[in-house]
Amino acid sequence: MKCHETLLLERITIIPGLMGGKPTIRGNRFTVIDIIELLSSGMTNDEILEEHPILESEDITAALLFSAKTIGD
């Protein structure tokens, strides 16, 4: 795995008891699936970031990377 990918995936946390143990973004109550659903609804990265200021651009990229790696396994 590339160093950049490793850094992105470090943004994804799985904490038992937080959001039912689902993968979240940086330990916040914002799940990877939340980001995927927002993207699939047609929102752009900029719209997501504007509506959810807790998120950073790299969080969206990390969620996509995590999803791709999870599905690919």
PDB file of N, CA and C in Angstrom:
ATOM      1  N   MET A   1       0.845  -1.176   0.000  1.00  0.00           N
ATOM      2  CA  MET A   1       0.000   0.000   0.000  1.00  0.00           C
ATOM      3  C   MET A   1       0.893   1.243   0.000  1.00  0.00           C
ATOM      4  N   LYS A   2       0.487   2.232  -0.753  1.00  0.00           N
ATOM      5  CA  LYS A   2       1.245   3.466  -0.838  1.00  0.00           C
ATOM      6  C   LYS A   2       1.145   4.242   0.467  1.00  0.00           C
ATOM      7  N   CYS A   3       2.170   5.029   0.740  1.00  0.00           N
ATOM      8  CA  CYS A   3       2.214   5.835   1.964  1.00  0.00           C
ATOM      9  C   CYS A   3       1.008   6.777   2.042  1.00  0.00           C
ATOM     10  N   HIS A   4       0.650   7.396   0.923  1.00  0.00           N
ATOM     11  CA  HIS A   4      -0.494   8.314   0.897  1.00  0.00           C
ATOM     12  C   HIS A   4      -1.785   7.579   1.260  1.00  0.00           C
ATOM     13  N   GLU A   5      -1.956   6.357   0.734  1.00  0.00           N
ATOM     14  CA  GLU A   5      -3.146   5.571   1.057  1.00  0.00           C
ATOM     15  C   GLU A   5      -3.183   5.232   2.540  1.00  0.00           C
ATOM     16  N   THR A   6      -2.038   4.908   3.093  1.00  0.00           N
ATOM     17  CA  THR A   6      -1.963   4.587   4.519  1.00  0.00           C
ATOM     18  C   THR A   6      -2.406   5.777   5.353  1.00  0.00           C
ATOM     19  N   LEU A   7      -1.931   6.954   5.000  1.00  0.00           N
ATOM     20  CA  LEU A   7      -2.315   8.167   5.729  1.00  0.00           C
ATOM     21  C   LEU A   7      -3.811   8.433   5.618  1.00  0.00           C
ATOM     22  N   LEU A   8      -4.363   8.212   4.438  1.00  0.00           N
ATOM     23  CA  LEU A   8      -5.801   8.409   4.270  1.00  0.00           C
ATOM     24  C   LEU A   8      -6.583   7.420   5.118  1.00  0.00           C
ATOM     25  N   LEU A   9      -6.168   6.163   5.093  1.00  0.00           N
ATOM     26  CA  LEU A   9      -6.914   5.140   5.833  1.00  0.00           C
ATOM     27  C   LEU A   9      -6.808   5.322   7.342  1.00  0.00           C
ATOM     28  N   GLU A  10      -5.803   6.036   7.807  1.00  0.00           N
ATOM     29  CA  GLU A  10      -5.700   6.331   9.239  1.00  0.00           C
ATOM     30  C   GLU A  10      -6.831   7.245   9.710  1.00  0.00           C
ATOM     31  N   ARG A  11      -7.501   7.921   8.774  1.00  0.00           N
ATOM     32  CA  ARG A  11      -8.633   8.772   9.102  1.00  0.00           C
ATOM     33  C   ARG A  11      -9.872   7.951   9.447  1.00  0.00           C
ATOM     34  N   ILE A  12      -9.883   6.697   9.028  1.00  0.00           N
ATOM     35  CA  ILE A  12     -11.024   5.817   9.278  1.00  0.00           C
ATOM     36  C   ILE A  12     -10.801   5.088  10.592  1.00  0.00           C
ATOM     37  N   THR A  13     -11.759   5.219  11.498  1.00  0.00           N
ATOM     38  CA  THR A  13     -11.630   4.586  12.810  1.00  0.00           C
ATOM     39  C   THR A  13     -12.825   3.677  13.059  1.00  0.00           C
ATOM     40  N   ILE A  14     -12.547   2.582  13.726  1.00  0.00           N
ATOM     41  CA  ILE A  14     -13.605   1.672  14.156  1.00  0.00           C
ATOM     42  C   ILE A  14     -13.483   1.558  15.668  1.00  0.00           C
ATOM     43  N   ILE A  15     -14.455   2.120  16.343  1.00  0.00           N
ATOM     44  CA  ILE A  15     -14.432   2.179  17.801  1.00  0.00           C
ATOM     45  C   ILE A  15     -15.674   1.449  18.320  1.00  0.00           C
ATOM     46  N   PRO A  16     -15.458   0.327  19.020  1.00  0.00           N
ATOM     47  CA  PRO A  16     -16.620  -0.384  19.567  1.00  0.00           C
ATOM     48  C   PRO A  16     -17.473   0.570  20.409  1.00  0.00           C
ATOM     49  N   GLY A  17     -18.768   0.521  20.185  1.00  0.00           N
ATOM     50  CA  GLY A  17     -19.680   1.376  20.945  1.00  0.00           C
ATOM     51  C   GLY A  17     -19.972   2.713  20.283  1.00  0.00           C
ATOM     52  N   LEU A  18     -19.147   3.118  19.328  1.00  0.00           N
ATOM     53  CA  LEU A  18     -19.399   4.370  18.607  1.00  0.00           C
ATOM     54  C   LEU A  18     -20.065   4.035  17.283  1.00  0.00           C
ATOM     55  N   MET A  19     -21.268   4.515  17.107  1.00  0.00           N
ATOM     56  CA  MET A  19     -22.037   4.290  15.878  1.00  0.00           C
ATOM     57  C   MET A  19     -22.174   2.793  15.556  1.00  0.00           C
ATOM     58  N   GLY A  20     -22.341   2.008  16.598  1.00  0.00           N
ATOM     59  CA  GLY A  20     -22.537   0.575  16.413  1.00  0.00           C
ATOM     60  C   GLY A  20     -21.315  -0.148  15.886  1.00  0.00           C
ATOM     61  N   GLY A  21     -20.140   0.445  16.069  1.00  0.00           N
ATOM     62  CA  GLY A  21     -18.907  -0.167  15.595  1.00  0.00           C
ATOM     63  C   GLY A  21     -18.660   0.002  14.106  1.00  0.00           C
ATOM     64  N   LYS A  22     -19.472   0.840  13.459  1.00  0.00           N
ATOM     65  CA  LYS A  22     -19.272   1.104  12.024  1.00  0.00           C
ATOM     66  C   LYS A  22     -18.028   1.976  11.837  1.00  0.00           C
ATOM     67  N   PRO A  23     -17.392   1.870  10.676  1.00  0.00           N
ATOM     68  CA  PRO A  23     -16.240   2.735  10.386  1.00  0.00           C
ATOM     69  C   PRO A  23     -16.671   4.204  10.366  1.00  0.00           C
ATOM     70  N   THR A  24     -15.958   5.006  11.123  1.00  0.00           N
ATOM     71  CA  THR A  24     -16.263   6.432  11.211  1.00  0.00           C
ATOM     72  C   THR A  24     -15.071   7.259  10.735  1.00  0.00           C
ATOM     73  N   ILE A  25     -15.323   8.538  10.608  1.00  0.00           N
ATOM     74  CA  ILE A  25     -14.293   9.479  10.180  1.00  0.00           C
ATOM     75  C   ILE A  25     -13.655  10.113  11.406  1.00  0.00           C
ATOM     76  N   ARG A  26     -12.386   9.845  11.607  1.00  0.00           N
ATOM     77  CA  ARG A  26     -11.577  10.435  12.675  1.00  0.00           C
ATOM     78  C   ARG A  26     -12.242  10.356  14.048  1.00  0.00           C
ATOM     79  N   GLY A  27     -12.936   9.253  14.329  1.00  0.00           N
ATOM     80  CA  GLY A  27     -13.529   9.067  15.637  1.00  0.00           C
ATOM     81  C   GLY A  27     -14.760   9.919  15.900  1.00  0.00           C
ATOM     82  N   ASN A  28     -15.270  10.576  14.871  1.00  0.00           N
ATOM     83  CA  ASN A  28     -16.474  11.394  15.007  1.00  0.00           C
ATOM     84  C   ASN A  28     -17.704  10.540  14.737  1.00  0.00           C
ATOM     85  N   ARG A  29     -18.851  11.098  14.953  1.00  0.00           N
ATOM     86  CA  ARG A  29     -20.100  10.377  14.730  1.00  0.00           C
ATOM     87  C   ARG A  29     -20.562  10.533  13.282  1.00  0.00           C
ATOM     88  N   PHE A  30     -19.616  10.444  12.375  1.00  0.00           N
ATOM     89  CA  PHE A  30     -19.892  10.543  10.940  1.00  0.00           C
ATOM     90  C   PHE A  30     -19.307   9.297  10.303  1.00  0.00           C
ATOM     91  N   THR A  31     -20.173   8.443   9.758  1.00  0.00           N
ATOM     92  CA  THR A  31     -19.697   7.154   9.244  1.00  0.00           C
ATOM     93  C   THR A  31     -19.271   7.237   7.781  1.00  0.00           C
ATOM     94  N   VAL A  32     -18.482   6.250   7.397  1.00  0.00           N
ATOM     95  CA  VAL A  32     -18.065   6.123   5.993  1.00  0.00           C
ATOM     96  C   VAL A  32     -19.304   6.017   5.111  1.00  0.00           C
ATOM     97  N   ILE A  33     -20.267   5.210   5.536  1.00  0.00           N
ATOM     98  CA  ILE A  33     -21.473   5.037   4.720  1.00  0.00           C
ATOM     99  C   ILE A  33     -22.241   6.345   4.565  1.00  0.00           C
ATOM    100  N   ASP A  34     -22.194   7.219   5.568  1.00  0.00           N
ATOM    101  CA  ASP A  34     -22.833   8.539   5.432  1.00  0.00           C
ATOM    102  C   ASP A  34     -22.256   9.285   4.235  1.00  0.00           C
ATOM    103  N   ILE A  35     -20.957   9.260   4.108  1.00  0.00           N
ATOM    104  CA  ILE A  35     -20.293   9.965   2.999  1.00  0.00           C
ATOM    105  C   ILE A  35     -20.657   9.321   1.670  1.00  0.00           C
ATOM    106  N   ILE A  36     -20.638   7.996   1.615  1.00  0.00           N
ATOM    107  CA  ILE A  36     -20.968   7.295   0.376  1.00  0.00           C
ATOM    108  C   ILE A  36     -22.404   7.613  -0.038  1.00  0.00           C
ATOM    109  N   GLU A  37     -23.310   7.646   0.931  1.00  0.00           N
ATOM    110  CA  GLU A  37     -24.712   7.963   0.625  1.00  0.00           C
ATOM    111  C   GLU A  37     -24.871   9.399   0.126  1.00  0.00           C
ATOM    112  N   LEU A  38     -24.141  10.326   0.719  1.00  0.00           N
ATOM    113  CA  LEU A  38     -24.213  11.714   0.251  1.00  0.00           C
ATOM    114  C   LEU A  38     -23.711  11.825  -1.187  1.00  0.00           C
ATOM    115  N   LEU A  39     -22.605  11.159  -1.481  1.00  0.00           N
ATOM    116  CA  LEU A  39     -22.075  11.173  -2.841  1.00  0.00           C
ATOM    117  C   LEU A  39     -23.052  10.516  -3.818  1.00  0.00           C
ATOM    118  N   SER A  40     -23.640   9.402  -3.401  1.00  0.00           N
ATOM    119  CA  SER A  40     -24.555   8.698  -4.303  1.00  0.00           C
ATOM    120  C   SER A  40     -25.855   9.478  -4.524  1.00  0.00           C
ATOM    121  N   SER A  41     -26.160  10.401  -3.617  1.00  0.00           N
ATOM    122  CA  SER A  41     -27.355  11.230  -3.798  1.00  0.00           C
ATOM    123  C   SER A  41     -27.106  12.346  -4.812  1.00  0.00           C
ATOM    124  N   GLY A  42     -25.859  12.487  -5.228  1.00  0.00           N
ATOM    125  CA  GLY A  42     -25.532  13.503  -6.226  1.00  0.00           C
ATOM    126  C   GLY A  42     -24.799  14.712  -5.680  1.00  0.00           C
ATOM    127  N   MET A  43     -24.568  14.747  -4.373  1.00  0.00           N
ATOM    128  CA  MET A  43     -23.843  15.889  -3.801  1.00  0.00           C
ATOM    129  C   MET A  43     -22.390  15.865  -4.258  1.00  0.00           C
ATOM    130  N   THR A  44     -21.839  17.036  -4.477  1.00  0.00           N
ATOM    131  CA  THR A  44     -20.425  17.138  -4.813  1.00  0.00           C
ATOM    132  C   THR A  44     -19.610  17.193  -3.526  1.00  0.00           C
ATOM    133  N   ASN A  45     -18.313  16.993  -3.662  1.00  0.00           N
ATOM    134  CA  ASN A  45     -17.435  17.110  -2.494  1.00  0.00           C
ATOM    135  C   ASN A  45     -17.596  18.469  -1.829  1.00  0.00           C
ATOM    136  N   ASP A  46     -17.617  19.519  -2.638  1.00  0.00           N
ATOM    137  CA  ASP A  46     -17.739  20.874  -2.089  1.00  0.00           C
ATOM    138  C   ASP A  46     -19.056  21.064  -1.342  1.00  0.00           C
ATOM    139  N   GLU A  47     -20.133  20.516  -1.872  1.00  0.00           N
ATOM    140  CA  GLU A  47     -21.427  20.624  -1.193  1.00  0.00           C
ATOM    141  C   GLU A  47     -21.412  19.888   0.145  1.00  0.00           C
ATOM    142  N   ILE A  48     -20.797  18.705   0.157  1.00  0.00           N
ATOM    143  CA  ILE A  48     -20.702  17.932   1.390  1.00  0.00           C
ATOM    144  C   ILE A  48     -19.898  18.695   2.428  1.00  0.00           C
ATOM    145  N   LEU A  49     -18.771  19.244   2.010  1.00  0.00           N
ATOM    146  CA  LEU A  49     -17.907  19.978   2.942  1.00  0.00           C
ATOM    147  C   LEU A  49     -18.587  21.231   3.465  1.00  0.00           C
ATOM    148  N   GLU A  50     -19.363  21.882   2.621  1.00  0.00           N
ATOM    149  CA  GLU A  50     -20.076  23.086   3.047  1.00  0.00           C
ATOM    150  C   GLU A  50     -21.182  22.745   4.046  1.00  0.00           C
ATOM    151  N   GLU A  51     -21.890  21.646   3.795  1.00  0.00           N
ATOM    152  CA  GLU A  51     -22.997  21.248   4.665  1.00  0.00           C
ATOM    153  C   GLU A  51     -22.520  20.602   5.969  1.00  0.00           C
ATOM    154  N   HIS A  52     -21.337  20.005   5.941  1.00  0.00           N
ATOM    155  CA  HIS A  52     -20.810  19.288   7.105  1.00  0.00           C
ATOM    156  C   HIS A  52     -19.390  19.774   7.407  1.00  0.00           C
ATOM    157  N   PRO A  53     -19.272  20.917   8.076  1.00  0.00           N
ATOM    158  CA  PRO A  53     -17.954  21.526   8.300  1.00  0.00           C
ATOM    159  C   PRO A  53     -16.998  20.687   9.147  1.00  0.00           C
ATOM    160  N   ILE A  54     -17.499  19.664   9.812  1.00  0.00           N
ATOM    161  CA  ILE A  54     -16.615  18.787  10.580  1.00  0.00           C
ATOM    162  C   ILE A  54     -15.717  17.958   9.648  1.00  0.00           C
ATOM    163  N   LEU A  55     -16.160  17.800   8.401  1.00  0.00           N
ATOM    164  CA  LEU A  55     -15.416  16.987   7.439  1.00  0.00           C
ATOM    165  C   LEU A  55     -14.350  17.803   6.718  1.00  0.00           C
ATOM    166  N   GLU A  56     -13.318  17.087   6.295  1.00  0.00           N
ATOM    167  CA  GLU A  56     -12.255  17.658   5.467  1.00  0.00           C
ATOM    168  C   GLU A  56     -12.237  16.908   4.145  1.00  0.00           C
ATOM    169  N   SER A  57     -11.690  17.531   3.138  1.00  0.00           N
ATOM    170  CA  SER A  57     -11.638  16.927   1.809  1.00  0.00           C
ATOM    171  C   SER A  57     -11.025  15.527   1.838  1.00  0.00           C
ATOM    172  N   GLU A  58      -9.978  15.369   2.626  1.00  0.00           N
ATOM    173  CA  GLU A  58      -9.303  14.077   2.718  1.00  0.00           C
ATOM    174  C   GLU A  58     -10.199  13.005   3.343  1.00  0.00           C
ATOM    175  N   ASP A  59     -11.173  13.423   4.142  1.00  0.00           N
ATOM    176  CA  ASP A  59     -12.105  12.470   4.738  1.00  0.00           C
ATOM    177  C   ASP A  59     -12.954  11.800   3.655  1.00  0.00           C
ATOM    178  N   ILE A  60     -13.371  12.569   2.681  1.00  0.00           N
ATOM    179  CA  ILE A  60     -14.177  12.024   1.590  1.00  0.00           C
ATOM    180  C   ILE A  60     -13.333  11.043   0.777  1.00  0.00           C
ATOM    181  N   THR A  61     -12.118  11.436   0.466  1.00  0.00           N
ATOM    182  CA  THR A  61     -11.221  10.546  -0.266  1.00  0.00           C
ATOM    183  C   THR A  61     -10.950   9.281   0.529  1.00  0.00           C
ATOM    184  N   ALA A  62     -10.760   9.418   1.827  1.00  0.00           N
ATOM    185  CA  ALA A  62     -10.508   8.263   2.686  1.00  0.00           C
ATOM    186  C   ALA A  62     -11.704   7.322   2.708  1.00  0.00           C
ATOM    187  N   ALA A  63     -12.912   7.879   2.759  1.00  0.00           N
ATOM    188  CA  ALA A  63     -14.119   7.051   2.762  1.00  0.00           C
ATOM    189  C   ALA A  63     -14.242   6.259   1.470  1.00  0.00           C
ATOM    190  N   LEU A  64     -13.944   6.894   0.364  1.00  0.00           N
ATOM    191  CA  LEU A  64     -13.986   6.197  -0.927  1.00  0.00           C
ATOM    192  C   LEU A  64     -12.925   5.110  -1.005  1.00  0.00           C
ATOM    193  N   LEU A  65     -11.730   5.416  -0.561  1.00  0.00           N
ATOM    194  CA  LEU A  65     -10.644   4.439  -0.574  1.00  0.00           C
ATOM    195  C   LEU A  65     -10.979   3.253   0.329  1.00  0.00           C
ATOM    196  N   PHE A  66     -11.463   3.531   1.529  1.00  0.00           N
ATOM    197  CA  PHE A  66     -11.834   2.474   2.466  1.00  0.00           C
ATOM    198  C   PHE A  66     -12.912   1.585   1.856  1.00  0.00           C
ATOM    199  N   SER A  67     -13.910   2.197   1.238  1.00  0.00           N
ATOM    200  CA  SER A  67     -14.989   1.427   0.623  1.00  0.00           C
ATOM    201  C   SER A  67     -14.463   0.548  -0.508  1.00  0.00           C
ATOM    202  N   ALA A  68     -13.614   1.104  -1.334  1.00  0.00           N
ATOM    203  CA  ALA A  68     -13.050   0.338  -2.444  1.00  0.00           C
ATOM    204  C   ALA A  68     -12.232  -0.843  -1.943  1.00  0.00           C
ATOM    205  N   LYS A  69     -11.441  -0.614  -0.928  1.00  0.00           N
ATOM    206  CA  LYS A  69     -10.608  -1.683  -0.379  1.00  0.00           C
ATOM    207  C   LYS A  69     -11.460  -2.739   0.319  1.00  0.00           C
ATOM    208  N   THR A  70     -12.520  -2.310   0.976  1.00  0.00           N
ATOM    209  CA  THR A  70     -13.401  -3.247   1.675  1.00  0.00           C
ATOM    210  C   THR A  70     -14.160  -4.122   0.690  1.00  0.00           C
ATOM    211  N   ILE A  71     -14.680  -3.515  -0.344  1.00  0.00           N
ATOM    212  CA  ILE A  71     -15.437  -4.260  -1.365  1.00  0.00           C
ATOM    213  C   ILE A  71     -14.497  -5.183  -2.143  1.00  0.00           C
ATOM    214  N   GLY A  72     -13.287  -4.713  -2.374  1.00  0.00           N
ATOM    215  CA  GLY A  72     -12.318  -5.488  -3.148  1.00  0.00           C
ATOM    216  C   GLY A  72     -11.794  -6.715  -2.429  1.00  0.00           C
ATOM    217  N   ASP A  73     -11.957  -6.766  -1.109  1.00  0.00           N
ATOM    218  CA  ASP A  73     -11.436  -7.903  -0.344  1.00  0.00           C
ATOM    219  C   ASP A  73     -12.340  -9.100  -0.395  1.00  0.00           C
TER     220      ASP A  73
END
